């Protein structure tokens, strides 16, 4: 804690990370399978023709992931995650307007680019920057929302498909992705505590432990 009764800003980074995971995995990945069959039946194609976009998404992630670190080192993580969030929200929401299977493949590429930054690498980097203590706890909490988001939005998506159809469902889920990601990337996420003249959570405790260990070593040497 920064001051008694005041939550350390690192915990807001954890909450932001949880929201990003809930949108990026809980909606985009977990809800995808619920929509395949409805789209395939409407288009008169096989389910595999629609689901192929997810394979394209993962292939795109594989291609772009080696270059992600260069972008993260060169540009502010807020802007990278905001752009990635906009890409994923649009790519998923626009599926509600598509009229053929190949349109979904375009979204697959876009989702792969966005997911490279939203799912892989960036969140663990942020957590490690902001937490000198309890980093594992913070990352575990954030990652839990992959499953929690999936459980919640799977029920929402299923109900929407039954009541209003797959096209509006994609659009609504696209809006949900934007609402879960963009407020946090724009107003909460900061790459490092130093950007806000703060220290990582547990920095003081870590410094004290290091000082104690150094003193012990000095005493041992003198003895």
Protein backbone atom coordinates (compact mmCIF):
# COMPACT_ATOMS: atom_id res chain seq x y z
CA UNK A 1 0.00 0.00 0.00
CA UNK A 2 1.20 3.52 -0.79
CA UNK A 3 -0.51 5.06 2.23
CA UNK A 4 -2.67 3.58 4.92
CA UNK A 5 -6.18 3.18 3.53
CA UNK A 6 -5.11 3.87 -0.05
CA UNK A 7 -4.80 1.10 -2.60
CA UNK A 8 -1.47 0.86 -4.38
CA UNK A 9 -1.79 1.71 -8.07
CA UNK A 10 -0.33 -1.68 -8.97
CA UNK A 11 -3.64 -3.29 -8.03
CA UNK A 12 -5.38 -1.13 -10.65
CA UNK A 13 -2.92 -2.52 -13.18
CA UNK A 14 -3.98 -6.01 -12.08
CA UNK A 15 -7.68 -5.14 -12.47
CA UNK A 16 -7.02 -3.64 -15.92
CA UNK A 17 -5.13 -6.79 -16.91
CA UNK A 18 -8.06 -8.96 -15.76
CA UNK A 19 -10.49 -6.92 -17.89
CA UNK A 20 -8.22 -7.22 -20.94
CA UNK A 21 -7.98 -10.98 -20.51
CA UNK A 22 -11.76 -11.27 -20.00
CA UNK A 23 -12.34 -9.52 -23.32
CA UNK A 24 -9.49 -10.99 -25.35
CA UNK A 25 -9.92 -14.60 -24.26
CA UNK A 26 -13.27 -14.70 -22.47
CA UNK A 27 -15.12 -13.24 -25.46
CA UNK A 28 -13.01 -13.59 -28.61
CA UNK A 29 -11.77 -17.12 -27.94
CA UNK A 30 -14.38 -18.67 -25.65
CA UNK A 31 -17.46 -17.41 -27.51
CA UNK A 32 -16.20 -18.16 -31.01
CA UNK A 33 -17.37 -21.77 -31.07
CA UNK A 34 -20.91 -20.82 -30.05
CA UNK A 35 -21.31 -18.78 -33.23
CA UNK A 36 -19.76 -21.11 -35.81
CA UNK A 37 -22.80 -23.29 -36.40
CA UNK A 38 -25.29 -20.42 -36.63
CA UNK A 39 -23.13 -18.63 -39.21
CA UNK A 40 -22.44 -21.81 -41.19
CA UNK A 41 -26.14 -22.68 -41.39
CA UNK A 42 -27.00 -19.18 -42.56
CA UNK A 43 -24.27 -19.20 -45.22
CA UNK A 44 -24.91 -22.79 -46.27
CA UNK A 45 -21.30 -23.87 -45.68
CA UNK A 46 -19.53 -26.26 -43.35
CA UNK A 47 -18.65 -25.28 -39.80
CA UNK A 48 -14.97 -25.78 -40.65
CA UNK A 49 -15.23 -23.09 -43.34
CA UNK A 50 -16.14 -20.56 -40.64
CA UNK A 51 -13.94 -21.86 -37.84
CA UNK A 52 -10.91 -21.61 -40.12
CA UNK A 53 -10.65 -17.93 -39.14
CA UNK A 54 -9.48 -18.93 -35.66
CA UNK A 55 -6.65 -21.00 -37.16
CA UNK A 56 -5.71 -17.96 -39.23
CA UNK A 57 -5.80 -15.87 -36.04
CA UNK A 58 -3.36 -18.19 -34.23
CA UNK A 59 -1.11 -18.39 -37.30
CA UNK A 60 -0.99 -14.59 -37.40
CA UNK A 61 -0.06 -14.52 -33.71
CA UNK A 62 2.78 -16.96 -34.41
CA UNK A 63 4.09 -14.73 -37.20
CA UNK A 64 3.83 -11.43 -35.31
CA UNK A 65 4.84 -12.55 -31.81
CA UNK A 66 8.62 -12.47 -32.44
CA UNK A 67 8.29 -8.79 -33.38
CA UNK A 68 6.05 -7.78 -30.46
CA UNK A 69 8.95 -7.06 -28.13
CA UNK A 70 10.39 -4.48 -30.53
CA UNK A 71 7.08 -2.60 -30.60
CA UNK A 72 6.77 -2.72 -26.81
CA UNK A 73 10.28 -1.34 -26.40
CA UNK A 74 9.77 1.42 -28.96
CA UNK A 75 6.24 2.67 -28.23
CA UNK A 76 4.15 3.44 -25.14
CA UNK A 77 2.30 0.31 -24.08
CA UNK A 78 -0.89 2.36 -23.58
CA UNK A 79 -1.04 3.22 -27.24
CA UNK A 80 -0.15 -0.27 -28.38
CA UNK A 81 -2.86 -1.88 -26.24
CA UNK A 82 -5.42 0.78 -27.19
CA UNK A 83 -4.83 0.23 -30.90
CA UNK A 84 -4.88 -3.54 -30.39
CA UNK A 85 -8.16 -3.23 -28.45
CA UNK A 86 -9.76 -1.16 -31.23
CA UNK A 87 -8.58 -3.68 -33.84
CA UNK A 88 -10.03 -6.64 -31.93
CA UNK A 89 -13.32 -4.92 -31.10
CA UNK A 90 -13.86 -3.90 -34.74
CA UNK A 91 -12.67 -7.22 -36.17
CA UNK A 92 -15.07 -9.17 -33.94
CA UNK A 93 -18.01 -6.78 -34.16
CA UNK A 94 -17.80 -6.49 -37.96
CA UNK A 95 -18.37 -10.23 -38.30
CA UNK A 96 -22.01 -9.42 -37.79
CA UNK A 97 -22.03 -7.70 -41.20
CA UNK A 98 -20.21 -10.36 -43.22
CA UNK A 99 -21.89 -12.20 -46.07
CA UNK A 100 -19.39 -14.96 -46.91
CA UNK A 101 -16.84 -17.16 -45.17
CA UNK A 102 -13.77 -15.45 -46.61
CA UNK A 103 -14.73 -12.20 -44.89
CA UNK A 104 -14.14 -13.96 -41.58
CA UNK A 105 -10.58 -14.76 -42.63
CA UNK A 106 -9.81 -11.04 -42.84
CA UNK A 107 -11.02 -10.67 -39.26
CA UNK A 108 -8.89 -13.67 -38.34
CA UNK A 109 -5.76 -11.81 -39.44
CA UNK A 110 -6.84 -8.64 -37.59
CA UNK A 111 -7.66 -10.58 -34.42
CA UNK A 112 -4.27 -12.26 -34.60
CA UNK A 113 -2.49 -8.91 -34.74
CA UNK A 114 -4.48 -7.51 -31.82
CA UNK A 115 -4.22 -10.67 -29.74
CA UNK A 116 -0.44 -10.73 -30.15
CA UNK A 117 -0.30 -7.76 -27.80
CA UNK A 118 -3.45 -8.21 -25.70
CA UNK A 119 -2.96 -11.86 -24.75
CA UNK A 120 0.69 -12.79 -25.17
CA UNK A 121 3.58 -11.18 -23.34
CA UNK A 122 2.31 -7.69 -22.53
CA UNK A 123 0.33 -8.44 -19.38
CA UNK A 124 3.09 -10.49 -17.68
CA UNK A 125 5.49 -7.65 -18.54
CA UNK A 126 3.19 -5.07 -16.91
CA UNK A 127 2.70 -7.22 -13.82
CA UNK A 128 6.45 -7.72 -13.42
CA UNK A 129 7.04 -3.99 -13.80
CA UNK A 130 4.46 -3.06 -11.17
CA UNK A 131 4.92 -5.85 -8.61
CA UNK A 132 8.11 -6.63 -6.74
CA UNK A 133 6.05 -8.71 -4.33
CA UNK A 134 2.97 -10.85 -5.04
CA UNK A 135 3.55 -10.75 -8.80
CA UNK A 136 2.42 -14.36 -9.10
CA UNK A 137 -0.78 -13.60 -7.18
CA UNK A 138 -1.54 -10.60 -9.39
CA UNK A 139 -0.88 -12.48 -12.63
CA UNK A 140 -2.90 -15.46 -11.43
CA UNK A 141 -5.85 -13.21 -10.59
CA UNK A 142 -5.72 -11.58 -14.02
CA UNK A 143 -5.42 -14.90 -15.86
CA UNK A 144 -8.36 -16.32 -13.92
CA UNK A 145 -10.57 -13.88 -15.81
CA UNK A 146 -9.87 -15.72 -19.04
CA UNK A 147 -12.06 -18.49 -17.65
CA UNK A 148 -14.41 -16.25 -15.66
CA UNK A 149 -15.00 -14.00 -18.67
CA UNK A 150 -15.56 -17.05 -20.85
CA UNK A 151 -18.09 -18.54 -18.43
CA UNK A 152 -20.04 -15.28 -18.21
CA UNK A 153 -19.99 -14.27 -21.86
CA UNK A 154 -20.68 -17.78 -23.11
CA UNK A 155 -24.04 -17.59 -21.33
CA UNK A 156 -24.63 -14.08 -22.68
CA UNK A 157 -23.70 -15.07 -26.24
CA UNK A 158 -25.88 -18.19 -26.13
CA UNK A 159 -28.89 -16.20 -24.96
CA UNK A 160 -28.33 -13.48 -27.56
CA UNK A 161 -28.00 -15.96 -30.44
CA UNK A 162 -31.31 -17.56 -29.46
CA UNK A 163 -33.14 -14.26 -29.02
CA UNK A 164 -31.78 -11.88 -31.67
CA UNK A 165 -29.56 -13.98 -33.94
CA UNK A 166 -25.85 -14.25 -34.61
CA UNK A 167 -25.36 -10.94 -36.44
CA UNK A 168 -26.44 -8.64 -33.58
CA UNK A 169 -24.63 -10.96 -31.17
CA UNK A 170 -21.31 -10.31 -32.88
CA UNK A 171 -21.98 -6.56 -32.82
CA UNK A 172 -22.92 -6.52 -29.13
CA UNK A 173 -19.90 -8.62 -28.17
CA UNK A 174 -17.69 -6.29 -30.20
CA UNK A 175 -18.98 -3.38 -28.13
CA UNK A 176 -18.36 -5.38 -24.93
CA UNK A 177 -14.74 -5.97 -26.02
CA UNK A 178 -14.26 -2.23 -26.52
CA UNK A 179 -15.87 -1.39 -23.17
CA UNK A 180 -13.72 -3.88 -21.28
CA UNK A 181 -10.42 -2.90 -22.89
CA UNK A 182 -10.35 0.75 -23.96
CA UNK A 183 -11.20 2.56 -20.69
CA UNK A 184 -8.37 0.67 -18.98
CA UNK A 185 -5.79 1.07 -21.74
CA UNK A 186 -6.53 4.78 -22.08
CA UNK A 187 -6.89 5.81 -18.46
CA UNK A 188 -5.33 3.14 -16.21
CA UNK A 189 -2.51 1.26 -17.91
CA UNK A 190 0.99 2.67 -17.52
CA UNK A 191 4.07 0.74 -18.55
CA UNK A 192 6.16 1.35 -15.43
CA UNK A 193 5.66 2.88 -11.97
CA UNK A 194 8.33 5.45 -12.83
CA UNK A 195 5.95 6.88 -15.44
CA UNK A 196 3.79 8.07 -12.53
CA UNK A 197 6.59 8.80 -10.07
CA UNK A 198 5.64 5.72 -8.08
CA UNK A 199 7.40 2.61 -6.84
CA UNK A 200 6.37 -0.97 -7.63
CA UNK A 201 4.27 -2.76 -5.06
CA UNK A 202 6.59 -4.35 -2.50
CA UNK A 203 9.62 -2.27 -3.52
CA UNK A 204 10.15 -0.96 0.01
CA UNK A 205 9.88 -4.45 1.48
CA UNK A 206 12.31 -5.80 -1.10
CA UNK A 207 14.77 -2.97 -0.41
CA UNK A 208 14.60 -3.64 3.34
CA UNK A 209 15.26 -7.35 2.83
CA UNK A 210 18.22 -6.60 0.60
CA UNK A 211 19.60 -4.19 3.21
CA UNK A 212 19.23 -6.82 5.95
CA UNK A 213 20.93 -9.45 3.81
CA UNK A 214 23.79 -7.06 3.00
CA UNK A 215 24.22 -6.30 6.70
CA UNK A 216 24.31 -10.01 7.54
CA UNK A 217 26.94 -10.62 4.89
CA UNK A 218 29.02 -7.74 6.23
CA UNK A 219 28.80 -9.12 9.79
CA UNK A 220 29.79 -12.60 8.57
CA UNK A 221 32.82 -11.18 6.76
CA UNK A 222 33.95 -9.27 9.88
CA UNK A 223 33.60 -12.37 12.01
